[in-house]
């Protein structure tokens, strides 16, 4: 396995903050090495910066990661937390994806997850996570300016215009290899150690490419119903692919066999939700908040004009 370069030190966070978690006085004091290299190590660190907003923290971390040539996801802010994924491809045989999570009170948590057998020296990694990353975060106007410049450069705020069928087909082609190995392993489970064996090394680079990306999606409604974990309305699109010389679309009876595209409507879209029926056409603008080997979930979706 390849050794991890300094670029991977922009590893960014623990999947969820434990209630009553005691914050260390400094980033270096918070540093932890968890696990056995034969199984894949996890390295974590954290820091609290009073007055640091979630958007500023995510943007500043994005700026640092882009400067090191990492692939960076879009910002995802939901349920009072912000998340960012970053992936290192250069110098490693298995891509190394790291995750960042920030909270409204300026707490920033970072986690670097290695593949089985990958090795890294703890001293340089601790320095990379802290002195070269978390300790460089700045509150106030200075940090906000850095964050805004990084967001503008990434252009993640510019929606990708597509159809539900085209998006489904594109993502399914990229996910075919993943489906054989990890099925529907949820993103957060990968950072708790409860996902499938080596699932994180395979799914997270895929997730970092799309998480936080905005899409303007047009298509037909397959089902419309309350989302299973919220009281908001979820629109599942028809995603059966066109096949054959005539490009005829497959029967909707087989919709579930394709890469699914779901858009959870924002709370202010209740009137729209009340007008939609199965088979209706709708164009929605939303942000990717979750992705697995066979489904993508967009949130905060609104009717696009």
C-alpha atoms as a PDB file:
ATOM      1  CA  UNK A   1       0.000   0.000   0.000  1.00  0.00           C
ATOM      2  CA  UNK A   2       1.175   3.525  -0.652  1.00  0.00           C
ATOM      3  CA  UNK A   3       2.195   5.798   2.194  1.00  0.00           C
ATOM      4  CA  UNK A   4       0.049   8.814   2.976  1.00  0.00           C
ATOM      5  CA  UNK A   5       1.353  12.245   1.943  1.00  0.00           C
ATOM      6  CA  UNK A   6       0.823  15.522   3.780  1.00  0.00           C
ATOM      7  CA  UNK A   7      -2.095  16.236   1.484  1.00  0.00           C
ATOM      8  CA  UNK A   8      -4.087  13.539   3.241  1.00  0.00           C
ATOM      9  CA  UNK A   9      -3.747  15.471   6.478  1.00  0.00           C
ATOM     10  CA  UNK A  10      -6.718  17.556   5.444  1.00  0.00           C
ATOM     11  CA  UNK A  11      -8.734  14.708   6.752  1.00  0.00           C
ATOM     12  CA  UNK A  12     -11.757  16.096   8.135  1.00  0.00           C
ATOM     13  CA  UNK A  13     -14.170  14.662  10.759  1.00  0.00           C
ATOM     14  CA  UNK A  14     -15.779  12.292  12.969  1.00  0.00           C
ATOM     15  CA  UNK A  15     -19.165  11.314  11.628  1.00  0.00           C
ATOM     16  CA  UNK A  16     -21.105  12.477  14.655  1.00  0.00           C
ATOM     17  CA  UNK A  17     -20.429  14.278  17.896  1.00  0.00           C
ATOM     18  CA  UNK A  18     -21.028  12.193  20.989  1.00  0.00           C
ATOM     19  CA  UNK A  19     -23.169  13.773  23.692  1.00  0.00           C
ATOM     20  CA  UNK A  20     -21.022  14.946  26.573  1.00  0.00           C
ATOM     21  CA  UNK A  21     -17.812  14.637  24.549  1.00  0.00           C
ATOM     22  CA  UNK A  22     -15.051  16.415  26.447  1.00  0.00           C
ATOM     23  CA  UNK A  23     -13.107  18.764  24.214  1.00  0.00           C
ATOM     24  CA  UNK A  24      -9.319  18.719  24.579  1.00  0.00           C
ATOM     25  CA  UNK A  25      -7.534  21.978  25.369  1.00  0.00           C
ATOM     26  CA  UNK A  26      -5.556  21.866  22.109  1.00  0.00           C
ATOM     27  CA  UNK A  27      -5.825  20.102  18.778  1.00  0.00           C
ATOM     28  CA  UNK A  28      -2.695  18.030  19.426  1.00  0.00           C
ATOM     29  CA  UNK A  29      -4.075  16.889  22.790  1.00  0.00           C
ATOM     30  CA  UNK A  30      -7.244  15.720  21.035  1.00  0.00           C
ATOM     31  CA  UNK A  31      -5.346  13.609  18.486  1.00  0.00           C
ATOM     32  CA  UNK A  32      -6.132   9.877  18.593  1.00  0.00           C
ATOM     33  CA  UNK A  33      -4.917   6.852  16.634  1.00  0.00           C
ATOM     34  CA  UNK A  34      -7.591   4.153  16.640  1.00  0.00           C
ATOM     35  CA  UNK A  35      -7.377   0.565  15.455  1.00  0.00           C
ATOM     36  CA  UNK A  36      -4.799  -1.769  13.930  1.00  0.00           C
ATOM     37  CA  UNK A  37      -3.006  -1.084  10.588  1.00  0.00           C
ATOM     38  CA  UNK A  38      -3.928  -4.577   9.445  1.00  0.00           C
ATOM     39  CA  UNK A  39      -7.607  -3.572   9.591  1.00  0.00           C
ATOM     40  CA  UNK A  40      -7.308   0.078   8.571  1.00  0.00           C
ATOM     41  CA  UNK A  41      -6.454   2.815  11.076  1.00  0.00           C
ATOM     42  CA  UNK A  42      -8.551   5.863  11.974  1.00  0.00           C
ATOM     43  CA  UNK A  43      -6.901   9.088  13.105  1.00  0.00           C
ATOM     44  CA  UNK A  44      -8.993  11.824  14.699  1.00  0.00           C
ATOM     45  CA  UNK A  45      -8.471  15.358  15.978  1.00  0.00           C
ATOM     46  CA  UNK A  46     -10.649  18.305  16.946  1.00  0.00           C
ATOM     47  CA  UNK A  47     -10.532  21.992  17.765  1.00  0.00           C
ATOM     48  CA  UNK A  48     -12.994  24.660  18.916  1.00  0.00           C
ATOM     49  CA  UNK A  49     -12.696  28.159  17.462  1.00  0.00           C
ATOM     50  CA  UNK A  50     -15.082  30.631  19.142  1.00  0.00           C
ATOM     51  CA  UNK A  51     -16.886  32.783  16.591  1.00  0.00           C
ATOM     52  CA  UNK A  52     -16.154  30.421  13.687  1.00  0.00           C
ATOM     53  CA  UNK A  53     -19.242  29.838  11.532  1.00  0.00           C
ATOM     54  CA  UNK A  54     -19.929  26.505   9.841  1.00  0.00           C
ATOM     55  CA  UNK A  55     -19.685  28.001   6.339  1.00  0.00           C
ATOM     56  CA  UNK A  56     -16.398  29.703   7.179  1.00  0.00           C
ATOM     57  CA  UNK A  57     -14.889  26.522   8.638  1.00  0.00           C
ATOM     58  CA  UNK A  58     -15.929  24.399   5.652  1.00  0.00           C
ATOM     59  CA  UNK A  59     -14.716  27.010   3.175  1.00  0.00           C
ATOM     60  CA  UNK A  60     -11.338  27.440   4.853  1.00  0.00           C
ATOM     61  CA  UNK A  61     -10.795  23.688   4.968  1.00  0.00           C
ATOM     62  CA  UNK A  62     -11.776  23.540   1.301  1.00  0.00           C
ATOM     63  CA  UNK A  63      -9.163  26.178   0.480  1.00  0.00           C
ATOM     64  CA  UNK A  64      -6.420  24.235   2.282  1.00  0.00           C
ATOM     65  CA  UNK A  65      -7.407  20.946   0.626  1.00  0.00           C
ATOM     66  CA  UNK A  66      -7.590  22.396  -2.894  1.00  0.00           C
ATOM     67  CA  UNK A  67      -4.123  23.876  -2.414  1.00  0.00           C
ATOM     68  CA  UNK A  68      -2.893  20.314  -1.807  1.00  0.00           C
ATOM     69  CA  UNK A  69      -4.580  18.911  -4.934  1.00  0.00           C
ATOM     70  CA  UNK A  70      -7.328  16.964  -3.195  1.00  0.00           C
ATOM     71  CA  UNK A  71     -10.757  16.230  -4.658  1.00  0.00           C
ATOM     72  CA  UNK A  72     -13.247  18.090  -2.458  1.00  0.00           C
ATOM     73  CA  UNK A  73     -16.988  17.594  -2.098  1.00  0.00           C
ATOM     74  CA  UNK A  74     -19.505  20.392  -1.799  1.00  0.00           C
ATOM     75  CA  UNK A  75     -20.619  21.689   1.588  1.00  0.00           C
ATOM     76  CA  UNK A  76     -23.528  19.825   3.148  1.00  0.00           C
ATOM     77  CA  UNK A  77     -25.230  21.652   6.018  1.00  0.00           C
ATOM     78  CA  UNK A  78     -28.194  19.902   7.633  1.00  0.00           C
ATOM     79  CA  UNK A  79     -29.480  19.035  11.093  1.00  0.00           C
ATOM     80  CA  UNK A  80     -27.278  21.716  12.621  1.00  0.00           C
ATOM     81  CA  UNK A  81     -24.012  20.249  11.301  1.00  0.00           C
ATOM     82  CA  UNK A  82     -21.776  20.838   8.310  1.00  0.00           C
ATOM     83  CA  UNK A  83     -19.926  18.107   6.430  1.00  0.00           C
ATOM     84  CA  UNK A  84     -17.131  18.032   3.846  1.00  0.00           C
ATOM     85  CA  UNK A  85     -15.338  15.099   2.168  1.00  0.00           C
ATOM     86  CA  UNK A  86     -11.881  15.194   0.575  1.00  0.00           C
ATOM     87  CA  UNK A  87      -9.991  12.518  -1.327  1.00  0.00           C
ATOM     88  CA  UNK A  88      -6.281  12.067  -2.037  1.00  0.00           C
ATOM     89  CA  UNK A  89      -5.416  10.171  -5.204  1.00  0.00           C
ATOM     90  CA  UNK A  90      -1.766  11.123  -5.751  1.00  0.00           C
ATOM     91  CA  UNK A  91       0.898   8.909  -4.225  1.00  0.00           C
ATOM     92  CA  UNK A  92      -1.411   6.182  -2.873  1.00  0.00           C
ATOM     93  CA  UNK A  93      -2.549   2.875  -4.335  1.00  0.00           C
ATOM     94  CA  UNK A  94      -5.961   3.178  -2.637  1.00  0.00           C
ATOM     95  CA  UNK A  95      -7.624   6.633  -2.565  1.00  0.00           C
ATOM     96  CA  UNK A  96      -7.745   8.122   0.936  1.00  0.00           C
ATOM     97  CA  UNK A  97     -10.948  10.013   1.742  1.00  0.00           C
ATOM     98  CA  UNK A  98     -11.281  12.174   4.823  1.00  0.00           C
ATOM     99  CA  UNK A  99     -14.337  13.720   6.392  1.00  0.00           C
ATOM    100  CA  UNK A 100     -14.940  17.024   8.166  1.00  0.00           C
ATOM    101  CA  UNK A 101     -17.811  17.940  10.426  1.00  0.00           C
ATOM    102  CA  UNK A 102     -18.402  21.311  12.061  1.00  0.00           C
ATOM    103  CA  UNK A 103     -21.024  22.584  14.483  1.00  0.00           C
ATOM    104  CA  UNK A 104     -22.546  26.064  14.929  1.00  0.00           C
ATOM    105  CA  UNK A 105     -20.458  26.816  18.040  1.00  0.00           C
ATOM    106  CA  UNK A 106     -17.122  26.530  16.204  1.00  0.00           C
ATOM    107  CA  UNK A 107     -16.302  22.894  16.979  1.00  0.00           C
ATOM    108  CA  UNK A 108     -14.462  21.130  14.154  1.00  0.00           C
ATOM    109  CA  UNK A 109     -13.830  17.359  14.133  1.00  0.00           C
ATOM    110  CA  UNK A 110     -11.524  15.531  11.744  1.00  0.00           C
ATOM    111  CA  UNK A 111     -11.022  11.855  10.870  1.00  0.00           C
ATOM    112  CA  UNK A 112      -8.589  10.208   8.476  1.00  0.00           C
ATOM    113  CA  UNK A 113      -9.447   6.605   7.554  1.00  0.00           C
ATOM    114  CA  UNK A 114      -6.766   4.393   6.009  1.00  0.00           C
ATOM    115  CA  UNK A 115      -7.228   1.226   3.994  1.00  0.00           C
ATOM    116  CA  UNK A 116      -6.068  -2.112   5.327  1.00  0.00           C
ATOM    117  CA  UNK A 117      -2.280  -2.239   5.520  1.00  0.00           C
ATOM    118  CA  UNK A 118      -1.668   1.442   4.706  1.00  0.00           C
ATOM    119  CA  UNK A 119       1.000   3.002   6.895  1.00  0.00           C
ATOM    120  CA  UNK A 120       1.569   6.548   8.132  1.00  0.00           C
ATOM    121  CA  UNK A 121       3.879   8.117  10.700  1.00  0.00           C
ATOM    122  CA  UNK A 122       1.801   9.501  13.548  1.00  0.00           C
ATOM    123  CA  UNK A 123       4.052  12.502  14.266  1.00  0.00           C
ATOM    124  CA  UNK A 124       3.806  14.110  10.810  1.00  0.00           C
ATOM    125  CA  UNK A 125       0.112  13.215  10.613  1.00  0.00           C
ATOM    126  CA  UNK A 126      -0.603  14.921  13.949  1.00  0.00           C
ATOM    127  CA  UNK A 127       1.217  17.998  12.684  1.00  0.00           C
ATOM    128  CA  UNK A 128      -0.717  17.878   9.423  1.00  0.00           C
ATOM    129  CA  UNK A 129      -4.097  17.605  11.095  1.00  0.00           C
ATOM    130  CA  UNK A 130      -3.404  20.289  13.664  1.00  0.00           C
ATOM    131  CA  UNK A 131      -0.618  22.793  12.896  1.00  0.00           C
ATOM    132  CA  UNK A 132      -1.173  22.639   9.141  1.00  0.00           C
ATOM    133  CA  UNK A 133      -4.976  22.409   9.185  1.00  0.00           C
ATOM    134  CA  UNK A 134      -7.217  22.926  12.217  1.00  0.00           C
ATOM    135  CA  UNK A 135      -4.883  25.400  13.951  1.00  0.00           C
ATOM    136  CA  UNK A 136      -4.964  27.589  10.822  1.00  0.00           C
ATOM    137  CA  UNK A 137      -8.727  28.165  10.997  1.00  0.00           C
ATOM    138  CA  UNK A 138      -9.574  31.819  11.594  1.00  0.00           C
ATOM    139  CA  UNK A 139     -12.846  33.383  12.808  1.00  0.00           C
ATOM    140  CA  UNK A 140     -14.208  36.685  11.575  1.00  0.00           C
ATOM    141  CA  UNK A 141     -13.735  38.519   8.292  1.00  0.00           C
ATOM    142  CA  UNK A 142     -10.324  37.010   7.489  1.00  0.00           C
ATOM    143  CA  UNK A 143     -11.660  33.464   7.578  1.00  0.00           C
ATOM    144  CA  UNK A 144     -14.900  34.369   5.795  1.00  0.00           C
ATOM    145  CA  UNK A 145     -12.951  35.904   2.904  1.00  0.00           C
ATOM    146  CA  UNK A 146     -10.820  32.771   2.482  1.00  0.00           C
ATOM    147  CA  UNK A 147     -13.926  30.570   2.594  1.00  0.00           C
ATOM    148  CA  UNK A 148     -15.863  32.638   0.061  1.00  0.00           C
ATOM    149  CA  UNK A 149     -12.963  32.645  -2.413  1.00  0.00           C
ATOM    150  CA  UNK A 150     -12.708  28.844  -2.176  1.00  0.00           C
ATOM    151  CA  UNK A 151     -16.441  28.394  -2.730  1.00  0.00           C
ATOM    152  CA  UNK A 152     -16.443  30.624  -5.791  1.00  0.00           C
ATOM    153  CA  UNK A 153     -13.475  28.749  -7.262  1.00  0.00           C
ATOM    154  CA  UNK A 154     -15.162  25.367  -6.781  1.00  0.00           C
ATOM    155  CA  UNK A 155     -18.394  26.456  -8.563  1.00  0.00           C
ATOM    156  CA  UNK A 156     -20.387  23.934  -6.544  1.00  0.00           C
ATOM    157  CA  UNK A 157     -23.089  26.583  -6.237  1.00  0.00           C
ATOM    158  CA  UNK A 158     -23.739  26.360  -9.995  1.00  0.00           C
ATOM    159  CA  UNK A 159     -26.426  23.682 -10.572  1.00  0.00           C
ATOM    160  CA  UNK A 160     -25.809  20.836 -13.009  1.00  0.00           C
ATOM    161  CA  UNK A 161     -28.770  20.692 -15.407  1.00  0.00           C
ATOM    162  CA  UNK A 162     -29.849  17.124 -16.125  1.00  0.00           C
ATOM    163  CA  UNK A 163     -32.751  14.681 -16.223  1.00  0.00           C
ATOM    164  CA  UNK A 164     -33.482  12.025 -13.624  1.00  0.00           C
ATOM    165  CA  UNK A 165     -32.825   9.285 -16.173  1.00  0.00           C
ATOM    166  CA  UNK A 166     -29.493  10.732 -17.297  1.00  0.00           C
ATOM    167  CA  UNK A 167     -28.292  11.280 -13.710  1.00  0.00           C
ATOM    168  CA  UNK A 168     -29.336   7.771 -12.727  1.00  0.00           C
ATOM    169  CA  UNK A 169     -27.568   6.234 -15.721  1.00  0.00           C
ATOM    170  CA  UNK A 170     -24.362   8.211 -15.115  1.00  0.00           C
ATOM    171  CA  UNK A 171     -24.152   7.335 -11.432  1.00  0.00           C
ATOM    172  CA  UNK A 172     -25.001   3.687 -12.015  1.00  0.00           C
ATOM    173  CA  UNK A 173     -22.127   3.291 -14.461  1.00  0.00           C
ATOM    174  CA  UNK A 174     -19.702   4.638 -11.848  1.00  0.00           C
ATOM    175  CA  UNK A 175     -21.218   2.552  -9.072  1.00  0.00           C
ATOM    176  CA  UNK A 176     -21.355  -0.851 -10.797  1.00  0.00           C
ATOM    177  CA  UNK A 177     -18.085  -2.011  -9.275  1.00  0.00           C
ATOM    178  CA  UNK A 178     -19.120  -0.717  -5.858  1.00  0.00           C
ATOM    179  CA  UNK A 179     -22.464  -2.520  -5.869  1.00  0.00           C
ATOM    180  CA  UNK A 180     -20.762  -5.907  -5.974  1.00  0.00           C
ATOM    181  CA  UNK A 181     -18.723  -5.127  -2.871  1.00  0.00           C
ATOM    182  CA  UNK A 182     -20.678  -2.855  -0.563  1.00  0.00           C
ATOM    183  CA  UNK A 183     -24.341  -2.757  -1.534  1.00  0.00           C
ATOM    184  CA  UNK A 184     -26.127   0.083   0.253  1.00  0.00           C
ATOM    185  CA  UNK A 185     -23.591   0.828   3.005  1.00  0.00           C
ATOM    186  CA  UNK A 186     -24.608   4.200   4.500  1.00  0.00           C
ATOM    187  CA  UNK A 187     -22.070   7.026   4.480  1.00  0.00           C
ATOM    188  CA  UNK A 188     -22.013   7.659   8.221  1.00  0.00           C
ATOM    189  CA  UNK A 189     -21.688   3.937   9.068  1.00  0.00           C
ATOM    190  CA  UNK A 190     -18.375   3.857   7.236  1.00  0.00           C
ATOM    191  CA  UNK A 191     -16.830   6.130   9.854  1.00  0.00           C
ATOM    192  CA  UNK A 192     -18.168   4.146  12.802  1.00  0.00           C
ATOM    193  CA  UNK A 193     -16.555   0.888  11.708  1.00  0.00           C
ATOM    194  CA  UNK A 194     -19.950  -0.763  11.177  1.00  0.00           C
ATOM    195  CA  UNK A 195     -19.932  -0.752   7.381  1.00  0.00           C
ATOM    196  CA  UNK A 196     -18.881  -3.676   5.220  1.00  0.00           C
ATOM    197  CA  UNK A 197     -15.259  -4.754   5.026  1.00  0.00           C
ATOM    198  CA  UNK A 198     -13.209  -2.097   3.222  1.00  0.00           C
ATOM    199  CA  UNK A 199     -16.448  -0.337   2.234  1.00  0.00           C
ATOM    200  CA  UNK A 200     -15.060   3.080   3.022  1.00  0.00           C
ATOM    201  CA  UNK A 201     -12.099   2.773   0.655  1.00  0.00           C
ATOM    202  CA  UNK A 202     -14.512   2.030  -2.189  1.00  0.00           C
ATOM    203  CA  UNK A 203     -17.540   4.229  -1.501  1.00  0.00           C
ATOM    204  CA  UNK A 204     -16.061   7.393  -0.015  1.00  0.00           C
ATOM    205  CA  UNK A 205     -14.127   8.583  -3.094  1.00  0.00           C
ATOM    206  CA  UNK A 206     -17.389   8.160  -5.023  1.00  0.00           C
ATOM    207  CA  UNK A 207     -19.289  10.104  -2.373  1.00  0.00           C
ATOM    208  CA  UNK A 208     -16.728  12.908  -2.236  1.00  0.00           C
ATOM    209  CA  UNK A 209     -17.227  13.532  -5.944  1.00  0.00           C
ATOM    210  CA  UNK A 210     -20.959  14.197  -5.582  1.00  0.00           C
ATOM    211  CA  UNK A 211     -21.765  15.126  -1.979  1.00  0.00           C
ATOM    212  CA  UNK A 212     -22.894  18.763  -1.816  1.00  0.00           C
ATOM    213  CA  UNK A 213     -23.247  19.149  -5.581  1.00  0.00           C
ATOM    214  CA  UNK A 214     -26.370  20.979  -6.759  1.00  0.00           C
ATOM    215  CA  UNK A 215     -28.595  19.611  -9.524  1.00  0.00           C
ATOM    216  CA  UNK A 216     -31.526  20.920 -11.530  1.00  0.00           C
ATOM    217  CA  UNK A 217     -33.384  17.683 -12.283  1.00  0.00           C
ATOM    218  CA  UNK A 218     -36.302  17.236 -14.666  1.00  0.00           C
ATOM    219  CA  UNK A 219     -38.370  14.073 -14.861  1.00  0.00           C
ATOM    220  CA  UNK A 220     -41.534  12.161 -14.078  1.00  0.00           C
ATOM    221  CA  UNK A 221     -42.711  11.371 -10.548  1.00  0.00           C
ATOM    222  CA  UNK A 222     -42.511   7.659  -9.712  1.00  0.00           C
ATOM    223  CA  UNK A 223     -43.766   7.972  -6.134  1.00  0.00           C
ATOM    224  CA  UNK A 224     -44.419  10.883  -3.783  1.00  0.00           C
ATOM    225  CA  UNK A 225     -44.657  10.181  -0.063  1.00  0.00           C
ATOM    226  CA  UNK A 226     -43.250  11.228   3.339  1.00  0.00           C
ATOM    227  CA  UNK A 227     -39.516  10.618   3.620  1.00  0.00           C
ATOM    228  CA  UNK A 228     -38.827   7.720   5.981  1.00  0.00           C
ATOM    229  CA  UNK A 229     -36.705   9.764   8.448  1.00  0.00           C
ATOM    230  CA  UNK A 230     -38.352  13.200   8.235  1.00  0.00           C
ATOM    231  CA  UNK A 231     -41.841  14.671   8.049  1.00  0.00           C
ATOM    232  CA  UNK A 232     -40.991  16.171   4.649  1.00  0.00           C
ATOM    233  CA  UNK A 233     -42.209  14.918   1.289  1.00  0.00           C
ATOM    234  CA  UNK A 234     -39.891  12.815  -0.882  1.00  0.00           C
ATOM    235  CA  UNK A 235     -40.196  12.668  -4.671  1.00  0.00           C
ATOM    236  CA  UNK A 236     -38.813   9.493  -6.257  1.00  0.00           C
ATOM    237  CA  UNK A 237     -38.174   9.997  -9.970  1.00  0.00           C
ATOM    238  CA  UNK A 238     -38.818   7.571 -12.799  1.00  0.00           C
ATOM    239  CA  UNK A 239     -35.312   6.422 -13.770  1.00  0.00           C
ATOM    240  CA  UNK A 240     -35.870   3.448 -16.107  1.00  0.00           C
ATOM    241  CA  UNK A 241     -33.381   3.738 -18.930  1.00  0.00           C
ATOM    242  CA  UNK A 242     -34.030   3.955 -22.668  1.00  0.00           C
ATOM    243  CA  UNK A 243     -32.839   0.836 -24.492  1.00  0.00           C
ATOM    244  CA  UNK A 244     -32.720  -0.663 -27.951  1.00  0.00           C
ATOM    245  CA  UNK A 245     -32.455   0.922 -31.379  1.00  0.00           C
ATOM    246  CA  UNK A 246     -35.582   3.000 -30.863  1.00  0.00           C
ATOM    247  CA  UNK A 247     -34.476   4.232 -27.444  1.00  0.00           C
ATOM    248  CA  UNK A 248     -37.725   3.163 -25.794  1.00  0.00           C
ATOM    249  CA  UNK A 249     -37.938   3.549 -22.028  1.00  0.00           C
ATOM    250  CA  UNK A 250     -38.312   0.412 -19.952  1.00  0.00           C
ATOM    251  CA  UNK A 251     -41.439  -0.302 -17.973  1.00  0.00           C
ATOM    252  CA  UNK A 252     -41.813   1.670 -14.745  1.00  0.00           C
ATOM    253  CA  UNK A 253     -42.476  -1.673 -13.051  1.00  0.00           C
ATOM    254  CA  UNK A 254     -38.691  -2.130 -13.130  1.00  0.00           C
ATOM    255  CA  UNK A 255     -37.858   1.332 -11.753  1.00  0.00           C
ATOM    256  CA  UNK A 256     -36.495  -0.129  -8.526  1.00  0.00           C
ATOM    257  CA  UNK A 257     -33.824  -2.035 -10.431  1.00  0.00           C
ATOM    258  CA  UNK A 258     -32.121   1.203 -11.463  1.00  0.00           C
ATOM    259  CA  UNK A 259     -29.974   3.715  -9.577  1.00  0.00           C
ATOM    260  CA  UNK A 260     -32.660   5.676  -7.714  1.00  0.00           C
ATOM    261  CA  UNK A 261     -32.918   9.470  -7.609  1.00  0.00           C
ATOM    262  CA  UNK A 262     -34.868  10.949  -4.689  1.00  0.00           C
ATOM    263  CA  UNK A 263     -35.481  14.628  -3.937  1.00  0.00           C
ATOM    264  CA  UNK A 264     -36.779  15.599  -0.481  1.00  0.00           C
ATOM    265  CA  UNK A 265     -38.836  18.774  -0.783  1.00  0.00           C
ATOM    266  CA  UNK A 266     -38.016  21.747   1.451  1.00  0.00           C
ATOM    267  CA  UNK A 267     -40.563  22.642   4.118  1.00  0.00           C
ATOM    268  CA  UNK A 268     -41.757  25.666   2.141  1.00  0.00           C
ATOM    269  CA  UNK A 269     -42.719  23.423  -0.806  1.00  0.00           C
ATOM    270  CA  UNK A 270     -45.800  21.887   0.830  1.00  0.00           C
ATOM    271  CA  UNK A 271     -48.139  23.474  -1.698  1.00  0.00           C
ATOM    272  CA  UNK A 272     -46.128  21.969  -4.549  1.00  0.00           C
ATOM    273  CA  UNK A 273     -46.194  18.573  -2.830  1.00  0.00           C
ATOM    274  CA  UNK A 274     -49.974  18.760  -2.659  1.00  0.00           C
ATOM    275  CA  UNK A 275     -50.268  19.171  -6.431  1.00  0.00           C
ATOM    276  CA  UNK A 276     -47.972  16.328  -7.523  1.00  0.00           C
ATOM    277  CA  UNK A 277     -49.202  12.874  -8.486  1.00  0.00           C
ATOM    278  CA  UNK A 278     -47.472   9.774  -9.826  1.00  0.00           C
ATOM    279  CA  UNK A 279     -46.580  10.321 -13.477  1.00  0.00           C
ATOM    280  CA  UNK A 280     -46.554  14.136 -13.230  1.00  0.00           C
ATOM    281  CA  UNK A 281     -43.571  15.995 -14.669  1.00  0.00           C
ATOM    282  CA  UNK A 282     -41.567  18.221 -12.321  1.00  0.00           C
ATOM    283  CA  UNK A 283     -38.256  20.093 -12.344  1.00  0.00           C
ATOM    284  CA  UNK A 284     -36.568  20.392  -8.945  1.00  0.00           C
ATOM    285  CA  UNK A 285     -33.434  22.141  -7.725  1.00  0.00           C
ATOM    286  CA  UNK A 286     -31.663  20.393  -4.836  1.00  0.00           C
ATOM    287  CA  UNK A 287     -28.355  19.482  -3.201  1.00  0.00           C
ATOM    288  CA  UNK A 288     -26.888  15.967  -2.822  1.00  0.00           C
ATOM    289  CA  UNK A 289     -27.014  15.095   0.877  1.00  0.00           C
ATOM    290  CA  UNK A 290     -26.369  11.376   0.658  1.00  0.00           C
ATOM    291  CA  UNK A 291     -25.229   8.770  -1.846  1.00  0.00           C
ATOM    292  CA  UNK A 292     -24.788   4.997  -1.772  1.00  0.00           C
ATOM    293  CA  UNK A 293     -23.906   2.337  -4.314  1.00  0.00           C
ATOM    294  CA  UNK A 294     -27.419   2.397  -5.765  1.00  0.00           C
ATOM    295  CA  UNK A 295     -29.159   5.615  -4.715  1.00  0.00           C
ATOM    296  CA  UNK A 296     -28.673   9.359  -4.485  1.00  0.00           C
ATOM    297  CA  UNK A 297     -30.636  11.574  -2.091  1.00  0.00           C
ATOM    298  CA  UNK A 298     -31.037  15.301  -2.674  1.00  0.00           C
ATOM    299  CA  UNK A 299     -32.358  17.616   0.006  1.00  0.00           C
ATOM    300  CA  UNK A 300     -33.823  21.117   0.331  1.00  0.00           C
ATOM    301  CA  UNK A 301     -35.456  20.619  -3.075  1.00  0.00           C
ATOM    302  CA  UNK A 302     -37.546  23.388  -4.608  1.00  0.00           C
ATOM    303  CA  UNK A 303     -39.442  23.834  -7.839  1.00  0.00           C
ATOM    304  CA  UNK A 304     -37.153  25.205 -10.539  1.00  0.00           C
ATOM    305  CA  UNK A 305     -38.420  27.801 -12.986  1.00  0.00           C
END
